[in-house]
Amino acid sequence: AFTIGLSPLAALASLLLLSSERGTRK
């Protein structure tokens, strides 16, 4: 579970989306 939950690409995608316009919704 932690191996899946530590995916760097998924976390990076979330962080990049949050920094964009209307990022919270995305």
mmCIF file of all heavy atoms, coordinates in Angstrom:
data_MODEL
# 
_entry.id   MODEL 
# 
loop_
_atom_site.group_PDB 
_atom_site.id 
_atom_site.type_symbol 
_atom_site.label_atom_id 
_atom_site.label_alt_id 
_atom_site.label_comp_id 
_atom_site.label_asym_id 
_atom_site.label_entity_id 
_atom_site.label_seq_id 
_atom_site.pdbx_PDB_ins_code 
_atom_site.Cartn_x 
_atom_site.Cartn_y 
_atom_site.Cartn_z 
_atom_site.occupancy 
_atom_site.B_iso_or_equiv 
_atom_site.pdbx_formal_charge 
_atom_site.auth_seq_id 
_atom_site.auth_comp_id 
_atom_site.auth_asym_id 
_atom_site.auth_atom_id 
_atom_site.pdbx_PDB_model_num 
ATOM 1   N N   . ALA A 1 1  ? 0.830   -1.209 0.000   1.00 0.00 ? 1  ALA A N   1 
ATOM 2   C CA  . ALA A 1 1  ? 0.000   0.000  0.000   1.00 0.00 ? 1  ALA A CA  1 
ATOM 3   C C   . ALA A 1 1  ? 0.864   1.258  0.000   1.00 0.00 ? 1  ALA A C   1 
ATOM 4   O O   . ALA A 1 1  ? 0.618   2.201  -0.765  1.00 0.00 ? 1  ALA A O   1 
ATOM 5   C CB  . ALA A 1 1  ? -0.939  -0.007 1.205   1.00 0.00 ? 1  ALA A CB  1 
ATOM 6   N N   . PHE A 1 2  ? 1.895   1.274  0.837   1.00 0.00 ? 2  PHE A N   1 
ATOM 7   C CA  . PHE A 1 2  ? 2.769   2.444  0.899   1.00 0.00 ? 2  PHE A CA  1 
ATOM 8   C C   . PHE A 1 2  ? 3.600   2.592  -0.382  1.00 0.00 ? 2  PHE A C   1 
ATOM 9   O O   . PHE A 1 2  ? 3.919   3.713  -0.784  1.00 0.00 ? 2  PHE A O   1 
ATOM 10  C CB  . PHE A 1 2  ? 3.687   2.367  2.115   1.00 0.00 ? 2  PHE A CB  1 
ATOM 11  C CG  . PHE A 1 2  ? 3.090   2.956  3.357   1.00 0.00 ? 2  PHE A CG  1 
ATOM 12  C CD1 . PHE A 1 2  ? 2.683   2.143  4.398   1.00 0.00 ? 2  PHE A CD1 1 
ATOM 13  C CD2 . PHE A 1 2  ? 2.916   4.328  3.483   1.00 0.00 ? 2  PHE A CD2 1 
ATOM 14  C CE1 . PHE A 1 2  ? 2.116   2.681  5.545   1.00 0.00 ? 2  PHE A CE1 1 
ATOM 15  C CE2 . PHE A 1 2  ? 2.355   4.884  4.627   1.00 0.00 ? 2  PHE A CE2 1 
ATOM 16  C CZ  . PHE A 1 2  ? 1.959   4.053  5.657   1.00 0.00 ? 2  PHE A CZ  1 
ATOM 17  N N   . THR A 1 3  ? 3.945   1.480  -1.007  1.00 0.00 ? 3  THR A N   1 
ATOM 18  C CA  . THR A 1 3  ? 4.677   1.558  -2.269  1.00 0.00 ? 3  THR A CA  1 
ATOM 19  C C   . THR A 1 3  ? 3.845   2.272  -3.328  1.00 0.00 ? 3  THR A C   1 
ATOM 20  O O   . THR A 1 3  ? 4.352   3.121  -4.074  1.00 0.00 ? 3  THR A O   1 
ATOM 21  C CB  . THR A 1 3  ? 5.058   0.153  -2.766  1.00 0.00 ? 3  THR A CB  1 
ATOM 22  O OG1 . THR A 1 3  ? 5.874   -0.492 -1.783  1.00 0.00 ? 3  THR A OG1 1 
ATOM 23  C CG2 . THR A 1 3  ? 5.836   0.230  -4.078  1.00 0.00 ? 3  THR A CG2 1 
ATOM 24  N N   . ILE A 1 4  ? 2.557   1.930  -3.396  1.00 0.00 ? 4  ILE A N   1 
ATOM 25  C CA  . ILE A 1 4  ? 1.663   2.621  -4.336  1.00 0.00 ? 4  ILE A CA  1 
ATOM 26  C C   . ILE A 1 4  ? 1.482   4.082  -3.907  1.00 0.00 ? 4  ILE A C   1 
ATOM 27  O O   . ILE A 1 4  ? 1.509   4.999  -4.726  1.00 0.00 ? 4  ILE A O   1 
ATOM 28  C CB  . ILE A 1 4  ? 0.293   1.925  -4.396  1.00 0.00 ? 4  ILE A CB  1 
ATOM 29  C CG1 . ILE A 1 4  ? 0.440   0.476  -4.838  1.00 0.00 ? 4  ILE A CG1 1 
ATOM 30  C CG2 . ILE A 1 4  ? -0.645  2.660  -5.349  1.00 0.00 ? 4  ILE A CG2 1 
ATOM 31  C CD1 . ILE A 1 4  ? -0.846  -0.327 -4.765  1.00 0.00 ? 4  ILE A CD1 1 
ATOM 32  N N   . GLY A 1 5  ? 1.308   4.294  -2.615  1.00 0.00 ? 5  GLY A N   1 
ATOM 33  C CA  . GLY A 1 5  ? 1.035   5.624  -2.089  1.00 0.00 ? 5  GLY A CA  1 
ATOM 34  C C   . GLY A 1 5  ? 2.229   6.555  -2.059  1.00 0.00 ? 5  GLY A C   1 
ATOM 35  O O   . GLY A 1 5  ? 2.098   7.721  -1.669  1.00 0.00 ? 5  GLY A O   1 
ATOM 36  N N   . LEU A 1 6  ? 3.400   6.066  -2.448  1.00 0.00 ? 6  LEU A N   1 
ATOM 37  C CA  . LEU A 1 6  ? 4.600   6.901  -2.510  1.00 0.00 ? 6  LEU A CA  1 
ATOM 38  C C   . LEU A 1 6  ? 5.040   7.145  -3.952  1.00 0.00 ? 6  LEU A C   1 
ATOM 39  O O   . LEU A 1 6  ? 6.190   7.502  -4.203  1.00 0.00 ? 6  LEU A O   1 
ATOM 40  C CB  . LEU A 1 6  ? 5.746   6.245  -1.726  1.00 0.00 ? 6  LEU A CB  1 
ATOM 41  C CG  . LEU A 1 6  ? 5.554   6.166  -0.210  1.00 0.00 ? 6  LEU A CG  1 
ATOM 42  C CD1 . LEU A 1 6  ? 6.696   5.391  0.436   1.00 0.00 ? 6  LEU A CD1 1 
ATOM 43  C CD2 . LEU A 1 6  ? 5.453   7.567  0.405   1.00 0.00 ? 6  LEU A CD2 1 
ATOM 44  N N   . SER A 1 7  ? 4.131   6.950  -4.889  1.00 0.00 ? 7  SER A N   1 
ATOM 45  C CA  . SER A 1 7  ? 4.463   7.149  -6.303  1.00 0.00 ? 7  SER A CA  1 
ATOM 46  C C   . SER A 1 7  ? 4.896   8.599  -6.551  1.00 0.00 ? 7  SER A C   1 
ATOM 47  O O   . SER A 1 7  ? 4.098   9.529  -6.360  1.00 0.00 ? 7  SER A O   1 
ATOM 48  C CB  . SER A 1 7  ? 3.244   6.826  -7.176  1.00 0.00 ? 7  SER A CB  1 
ATOM 49  O OG  . SER A 1 7  ? 3.468   7.238  -8.500  1.00 0.00 ? 7  SER A OG  1 
ATOM 50  N N   . PRO A 1 8  ? 6.145   8.830  -6.974  1.00 0.00 ? 8  PRO A N   1 
ATOM 51  C CA  . PRO A 1 8  ? 6.604   10.217 -7.162  1.00 0.00 ? 8  PRO A CA  1 
ATOM 52  C C   . PRO A 1 8  ? 5.907   10.929 -8.310  1.00 0.00 ? 8  PRO A C   1 
ATOM 53  O O   . PRO A 1 8  ? 5.668   12.140 -8.235  1.00 0.00 ? 8  PRO A O   1 
ATOM 54  C CB  . PRO A 1 8  ? 8.110   10.054 -7.426  1.00 0.00 ? 8  PRO A CB  1 
ATOM 55  C CG  . PRO A 1 8  ? 8.259   8.654  -7.959  1.00 0.00 ? 8  PRO A CG  1 
ATOM 56  C CD  . PRO A 1 8  ? 7.205   7.850  -7.268  1.00 0.00 ? 8  PRO A CD  1 
ATOM 57  N N   . LEU A 1 9  ? 5.561   10.199 -9.371  1.00 0.00 ? 9  LEU A N   1 
ATOM 58  C CA  . LEU A 1 9  ? 4.908   10.838 -10.509 1.00 0.00 ? 9  LEU A CA  1 
ATOM 59  C C   . LEU A 1 9  ? 3.492   11.290 -10.171 1.00 0.00 ? 9  LEU A C   1 
ATOM 60  O O   . LEU A 1 9  ? 3.051   12.367 -10.590 1.00 0.00 ? 9  LEU A O   1 
ATOM 61  C CB  . LEU A 1 9  ? 4.887   9.893  -11.709 1.00 0.00 ? 9  LEU A CB  1 
ATOM 62  C CG  . LEU A 1 9  ? 6.230   9.676  -12.408 1.00 0.00 ? 9  LEU A CG  1 
ATOM 63  C CD1 . LEU A 1 9  ? 6.078   8.712  -13.575 1.00 0.00 ? 9  LEU A CD1 1 
ATOM 64  C CD2 . LEU A 1 9  ? 6.806   11.001 -12.906 1.00 0.00 ? 9  LEU A CD2 1 
ATOM 65  N N   . ALA A 1 10 ? 2.770   10.476 -9.402  1.00 0.00 ? 10 ALA A N   1 
ATOM 66  C CA  . ALA A 1 10 ? 1.414   10.857 -9.006  1.00 0.00 ? 10 ALA A CA  1 
ATOM 67  C C   . ALA A 1 10 ? 1.444   12.079 -8.091  1.00 0.00 ? 10 ALA A C   1 
ATOM 68  O O   . ALA A 1 10 ? 0.649   13.014 -8.243  1.00 0.00 ? 10 ALA A O   1 
ATOM 69  C CB  . ALA A 1 10 ? 0.724   9.692  -8.317  1.00 0.00 ? 10 ALA A CB  1 
ATOM 70  N N   . ALA A 1 11 ? 2.368   12.077 -7.131  1.00 0.00 ? 11 ALA A N   1 
ATOM 71  C CA  . ALA A 1 11 ? 2.489   13.224 -6.232  1.00 0.00 ? 11 ALA A CA  1 
ATOM 72  C C   . ALA A 1 11 ? 2.895   14.478 -7.005  1.00 0.00 ? 11 ALA A C   1 
ATOM 73  O O   . ALA A 1 11 ? 2.369   15.570 -6.756  1.00 0.00 ? 11 ALA A O   1 
ATOM 74  C CB  . ALA A 1 11 ? 3.516   12.922 -5.144  1.00 0.00 ? 11 ALA A CB  1 
ATOM 75  N N   . LEU A 1 12 ? 3.815   14.316 -7.951  1.00 0.00 ? 12 LEU A N   1 
ATOM 76  C CA  . LEU A 1 12 ? 4.257   15.455 -8.759  1.00 0.00 ? 12 LEU A CA  1 
ATOM 77  C C   . LEU A 1 12 ? 3.111   15.992 -9.612  1.00 0.00 ? 12 LEU A C   1 
ATOM 78  O O   . LEU A 1 12 ? 2.943   17.207 -9.755  1.00 0.00 ? 12 LEU A O   1 
ATOM 79  C CB  . LEU A 1 12 ? 5.431   15.033 -9.634  1.00 0.00 ? 12 LEU A CB  1 
ATOM 80  C CG  . LEU A 1 12 ? 6.137   16.124 -10.437 1.00 0.00 ? 12 LEU A CG  1 
ATOM 81  C CD1 . LEU A 1 12 ? 6.591   17.254 -9.523  1.00 0.00 ? 12 LEU A CD1 1 
ATOM 82  C CD2 . LEU A 1 12 ? 7.321   15.535 -11.194 1.00 0.00 ? 12 LEU A CD2 1 
ATOM 83  N N   . ALA A 1 13 ? 2.320   15.087 -10.182 1.00 0.00 ? 13 ALA A N   1 
ATOM 84  C CA  . ALA A 1 13 ? 1.167   15.512 -10.974 1.00 0.00 ? 13 ALA A CA  1 
ATOM 85  C C   . ALA A 1 13 ? 0.193   16.318 -10.111 1.00 0.00 ? 13 ALA A C   1 
ATOM 86  O O   . ALA A 1 13 ? -0.321  17.361 -10.533 1.00 0.00 ? 13 ALA A O   1 
ATOM 87  C CB  . ALA A 1 13 ? 0.464   14.299 -11.572 1.00 0.00 ? 13 ALA A CB  1 
ATOM 88  N N   . SER A 1 14 ? -0.060  15.855 -8.894  1.00 0.00 ? 14 SER A N   1 
ATOM 89  C CA  . SER A 1 14 ? -0.959  16.562 -7.996  1.00 0.00 ? 14 SER A CA  1 
ATOM 90  C C   . SER A 1 14 ? -0.414  17.942 -7.652  1.00 0.00 ? 14 SER A C   1 
ATOM 91  O O   . SER A 1 14 ? -1.152  18.943 -7.657  1.00 0.00 ? 14 SER A O   1 
ATOM 92  C CB  . SER A 1 14 ? -1.162  15.739 -6.717  1.00 0.00 ? 14 SER A CB  1 
ATOM 93  O OG  . SER A 1 14 ? -2.039  16.395 -5.829  1.00 0.00 ? 14 SER A OG  1 
ATOM 94  N N   . LEU A 1 15 ? 0.886   18.023 -7.387  1.00 0.00 ? 15 LEU A N   1 
ATOM 95  C CA  . LEU A 1 15 ? 1.496   19.303 -7.028  1.00 0.00 ? 15 LEU A CA  1 
ATOM 96  C C   . LEU A 1 15 ? 1.458   20.288 -8.191  1.00 0.00 ? 15 LEU A C   1 
ATOM 97  O O   . LEU A 1 15 ? 1.203   21.486 -8.003  1.00 0.00 ? 15 LEU A O   1 
ATOM 98  C CB  . LEU A 1 15 ? 2.944   19.071 -6.581  1.00 0.00 ? 15 LEU A CB  1 
ATOM 99  C CG  . LEU A 1 15 ? 3.116   18.340 -5.247  1.00 0.00 ? 15 LEU A CG  1 
ATOM 100 C CD1 . LEU A 1 15 ? 4.565   17.916 -5.050  1.00 0.00 ? 15 LEU A CD1 1 
ATOM 101 C CD2 . LEU A 1 15 ? 2.653   19.215 -4.089  1.00 0.00 ? 15 LEU A CD2 1 
ATOM 102 N N   . LEU A 1 16 ? 1.702   19.804 -9.403  1.00 0.00 ? 16 LEU A N   1 
ATOM 103 C CA  . LEU A 1 16 ? 1.668   20.680 -10.573 1.00 0.00 ? 16 LEU A CA  1 
ATOM 104 C C   . LEU A 1 16 ? 0.252   21.170 -10.863 1.00 0.00 ? 16 LEU A C   1 
ATOM 105 O O   . LEU A 1 16 ? 0.050   22.323 -11.245 1.00 0.00 ? 16 LEU A O   1 
ATOM 106 C CB  . LEU A 1 16 ? 2.237   19.944 -11.792 1.00 0.00 ? 16 LEU A CB  1 
ATOM 107 C CG  . LEU A 1 16 ? 3.742   19.661 -11.741 1.00 0.00 ? 16 LEU A CG  1 
ATOM 108 C CD1 . LEU A 1 16 ? 4.162   18.799 -12.929 1.00 0.00 ? 16 LEU A CD1 1 
ATOM 109 C CD2 . LEU A 1 16 ? 4.541   20.963 -11.741 1.00 0.00 ? 16 LEU A CD2 1 
ATOM 110 N N   . LEU A 1 17 ? -0.720  20.293 -10.671 1.00 0.00 ? 17 LEU A N   1 
ATOM 111 C CA  . LEU A 1 17 ? -2.105  20.702 -10.869 1.00 0.00 ? 17 LEU A CA  1 
ATOM 112 C C   . LEU A 1 17 ? -2.509  21.765 -9.847  1.00 0.00 ? 17 LEU A C   1 
ATOM 113 O O   . LEU A 1 17 ? -3.207  22.735 -10.167 1.00 0.00 ? 17 LEU A O   1 
ATOM 114 C CB  . LEU A 1 17 ? -3.041  19.500 -10.773 1.00 0.00 ? 17 LEU A CB  1 
ATOM 115 C CG  . LEU A 1 17 ? -3.046  18.544 -11.960 1.00 0.00 ? 17 LEU A CG  1 
ATOM 116 C CD1 . LEU A 1 17 ? -3.868  17.303 -11.640 1.00 0.00 ? 17 LEU A CD1 1 
ATOM 117 C CD2 . LEU A 1 17 ? -3.599  19.225 -13.207 1.00 0.00 ? 17 LEU A CD2 1 
ATOM 118 N N   . LEU A 1 18 ? -2.072  21.589 -8.610  1.00 0.00 ? 18 LEU A N   1 
ATOM 119 C CA  . LEU A 1 18 ? -2.425  22.537 -7.551  1.00 0.00 ? 18 LEU A CA  1 
ATOM 120 C C   . LEU A 1 18 ? -1.836  23.919 -7.798  1.00 0.00 ? 18 LEU A C   1 
ATOM 121 O O   . LEU A 1 18 ? -2.379  24.923 -7.335  1.00 0.00 ? 18 LEU A O   1 
ATOM 122 C CB  . LEU A 1 18 ? -1.947  22.001 -6.191  1.00 0.00 ? 18 LEU A CB  1 
ATOM 123 C CG  . LEU A 1 18 ? -2.760  20.850 -5.606  1.00 0.00 ? 18 LEU A CG  1 
ATOM 124 C CD1 . LEU A 1 18 ? -2.034  20.224 -4.436  1.00 0.00 ? 18 LEU A CD1 1 
ATOM 125 C CD2 . LEU A 1 18 ? -4.141  21.334 -5.180  1.00 0.00 ? 18 LEU A CD2 1 
ATOM 126 N N   . SER A 1 19 ? -0.723  23.976 -8.530  1.00 0.00 ? 19 SER A N   1 
ATOM 127 C CA  . SER A 1 19 ? -0.093  25.268 -8.807  1.00 0.00 ? 19 SER A CA  1 
ATOM 128 C C   . SER A 1 19 ? -0.691  25.954 -10.032 1.00 0.00 ? 19 SER A C   1 
ATOM 129 O O   . SER A 1 19 ? -0.304  27.078 -10.364 1.00 0.00 ? 19 SER A O   1 
ATOM 130 C CB  . SER A 1 19 ? 1.410   25.086 -9.015  1.00 0.00 ? 19 SER A CB  1 
ATOM 131 O OG  . SER A 1 19 ? 1.670   24.284 -10.150 1.00 0.00 ? 19 SER A OG  1 
ATOM 132 N N   . SER A 1 20 ? -1.625  25.288 -10.722 1.00 0.00 ? 20 SER A N   1 
ATOM 133 C CA  . SER A 1 20 ? -2.249  25.870 -11.915 1.00 0.00 ? 20 SER A CA  1 
ATOM 134 C C   . SER A 1 20 ? -3.538  26.594 -11.543 1.00 0.00 ? 20 SER A C   1 
ATOM 135 O O   . SER A 1 20 ? -3.988  26.560 -10.391 1.00 0.00 ? 20 SER A O   1 
ATOM 136 C CB  . SER A 1 20 ? -2.547  24.774 -12.947 1.00 0.00 ? 20 SER A CB  1 
ATOM 137 O OG  . SER A 1 20 ? -3.523  23.871 -12.457 1.00 0.00 ? 20 SER A OG  1 
ATOM 138 N N   . GLU A 1 21 ? -4.146  27.265 -12.526 1.00 0.00 ? 21 GLU A N   1 
ATOM 139 C CA  . GLU A 1 21 ? -5.410  27.966 -12.292 1.00 0.00 ? 21 GLU A CA  1 
ATOM 140 C C   . GLU A 1 21 ? -6.516  26.964 -11.962 1.00 0.00 ? 21 GLU A C   1 
ATOM 141 O O   . GLU A 1 21 ? -6.623  25.928 -12.595 1.00 0.00 ? 21 GLU A O   1 
ATOM 142 C CB  . GLU A 1 21 ? -5.783  28.762 -13.542 1.00 0.00 ? 21 GLU A CB  1 
ATOM 143 C CG  . GLU A 1 21 ? -7.012  29.629 -13.369 1.00 0.00 ? 21 GLU A CG  1 
ATOM 144 C CD  . GLU A 1 21 ? -7.342  30.425 -14.617 1.00 0.00 ? 21 GLU A CD  1 
ATOM 145 O OE1 . GLU A 1 21 ? -6.573  30.335 -15.601 1.00 0.00 ? 21 GLU A OE1 1 
ATOM 146 O OE2 . GLU A 1 21 ? -8.365  31.124 -14.615 1.00 0.00 ? 21 GLU A OE2 1 
ATOM 147 N N   . ARG A 1 22 ? -7.309  27.259 -10.945 1.00 0.00 ? 22 ARG A N   1 
ATOM 148 C CA  . ARG A 1 22 ? -8.351  26.340 -10.437 1.00 0.00 ? 22 ARG A CA  1 
ATOM 149 C C   . ARG A 1 22 ? -7.743  24.972 -10.093 1.00 0.00 ? 22 ARG A C   1 
ATOM 150 O O   . ARG A 1 22 ? -8.316  23.926 -10.339 1.00 0.00 ? 22 ARG A O   1 
ATOM 151 C CB  . ARG A 1 22 ? -9.476  26.180 -11.450 1.00 0.00 ? 22 ARG A CB  1 
ATOM 152 C CG  . ARG A 1 22 ? -10.277 27.459 -11.689 1.00 0.00 ? 22 ARG A CG  1 
ATOM 153 C CD  . ARG A 1 22 ? -11.463 27.219 -12.575 1.00 0.00 ? 22 ARG A CD  1 
ATOM 154 N NE  . ARG A 1 22 ? -11.077 26.741 -13.903 1.00 0.00 ? 22 ARG A NE  1 
ATOM 155 C CZ  . ARG A 1 22 ? -11.916 26.320 -14.824 1.00 0.00 ? 22 ARG A CZ  1 
ATOM 156 N NH1 . ARG A 1 22 ? -13.216 26.281 -14.567 1.00 0.00 ? 22 ARG A NH1 1 
ATOM 157 N NH2 . ARG A 1 22 ? -11.482 25.917 -16.005 1.00 0.00 ? 22 ARG A NH2 1 
ATOM 158 N N   . GLY A 1 23 ? -6.557  25.030 -9.520  1.00 0.00 ? 23 GLY A N   1 
ATOM 159 C CA  . GLY A 1 23 ? -5.788  23.817 -9.271  1.00 0.00 ? 23 GLY A CA  1 
ATOM 160 C C   . GLY A 1 23 ? -6.417  22.850 -8.295  1.00 0.00 ? 23 GLY A C   1 
ATOM 161 O O   . GLY A 1 23 ? -6.261  21.640 -8.415  1.00 0.00 ? 23 GLY A O   1 
ATOM 162 N N   . THR A 1 24 ? -7.148  23.376 -7.307  1.00 0.00 ? 24 THR A N   1 
ATOM 163 C CA  . THR A 1 24 ? -7.751  22.497 -6.306  1.00 0.00 ? 24 THR A CA  1 
ATOM 164 C C   . THR A 1 24 ? -8.762  21.552 -6.942  1.00 0.00 ? 24 THR A C   1 
ATOM 165 O O   . THR A 1 24 ? -8.803  20.356 -6.636  1.00 0.00 ? 24 THR A O   1 
ATOM 166 C CB  . THR A 1 24 ? -8.431  23.325 -5.202  1.00 0.00 ? 24 THR A CB  1 
ATOM 167 O OG1 . THR A 1 24 ? -7.471  24.208 -4.610  1.00 0.00 ? 24 THR A OG1 1 
ATOM 168 C CG2 . THR A 1 24 ? -8.988  22.408 -4.125  1.00 0.00 ? 24 THR A CG2 1 
ATOM 169 N N   . ARG A 1 25 ? -9.585  22.088 -7.851  1.00 0.00 ? 25 ARG A N   1 
ATOM 170 C CA  . ARG A 1 25 ? -10.574 21.246 -8.545  1.00 0.00 ? 25 ARG A CA  1 
ATOM 171 C C   . ARG A 1 25 ? -9.883  20.183 -9.390  1.00 0.00 ? 25 ARG A C   1 
ATOM 172 O O   . ARG A 1 25 ? -10.311 19.023 -9.436  1.00 0.00 ? 25 ARG A O   1 
ATOM 173 C CB  . ARG A 1 25 ? -11.461 22.121 -9.424  1.00 0.00 ? 25 ARG A CB  1 
ATOM 174 C CG  . ARG A 1 25 ? -12.421 23.017 -8.668  1.00 0.00 ? 25 ARG A CG  1 
ATOM 175 C CD  . ARG A 1 25 ? -13.228 23.885 -9.610  1.00 0.00 ? 25 ARG A CD  1 
ATOM 176 N NE  . ARG A 1 25 ? -13.992 23.074 -10.552 1.00 0.00 ? 25 ARG A NE  1 
ATOM 177 C CZ  . ARG A 1 25 ? -14.644 23.565 -11.594 1.00 0.00 ? 25 ARG A CZ  1 
ATOM 178 N NH1 . ARG A 1 25 ? -14.618 24.878 -11.839 1.00 0.00 ? 25 ARG A NH1 1 
ATOM 179 N NH2 . ARG A 1 25 ? -15.329 22.768 -12.381 1.00 0.00 ? 25 ARG A NH2 1 
ATOM 180 N N   . LYS A 1 26 ? -8.814  20.562 -10.072 1.00 0.00 ? 26 LYS A N   1 
ATOM 181 C CA  . LYS A 1 26 ? -8.100  19.614 -10.933 1.00 0.00 ? 26 LYS A CA  1 
ATOM 182 C C   . LYS A 1 26 ? -7.418  18.526 -10.102 1.00 0.00 ? 26 LYS A C   1 
ATOM 183 O O   . LYS A 1 26 ? -7.475  17.335 -10.453 1.00 0.00 ? 26 LYS A O   1 
ATOM 184 C CB  . LYS A 1 26 ? -7.067  20.352 -11.780 1.00 0.00 ? 26 LYS A CB  1 
ATOM 185 C CG  . LYS A 1 26 ? -7.649  21.394 -12.711 1.00 0.00 ? 26 LYS A CG  1 
ATOM 186 C CD  . LYS A 1 26 ? -6.545  22.168 -13.409 1.00 0.00 ? 26 LYS A CD  1 
ATOM 187 C CE  . LYS A 1 26 ? -7.100  23.298 -14.252 1.00 0.00 ? 26 LYS A CE  1 
ATOM 188 N NZ  . LYS A 1 26 ? -6.031  24.082 -14.905 1.00 0.00 ? 26 LYS A NZ  1 
# 
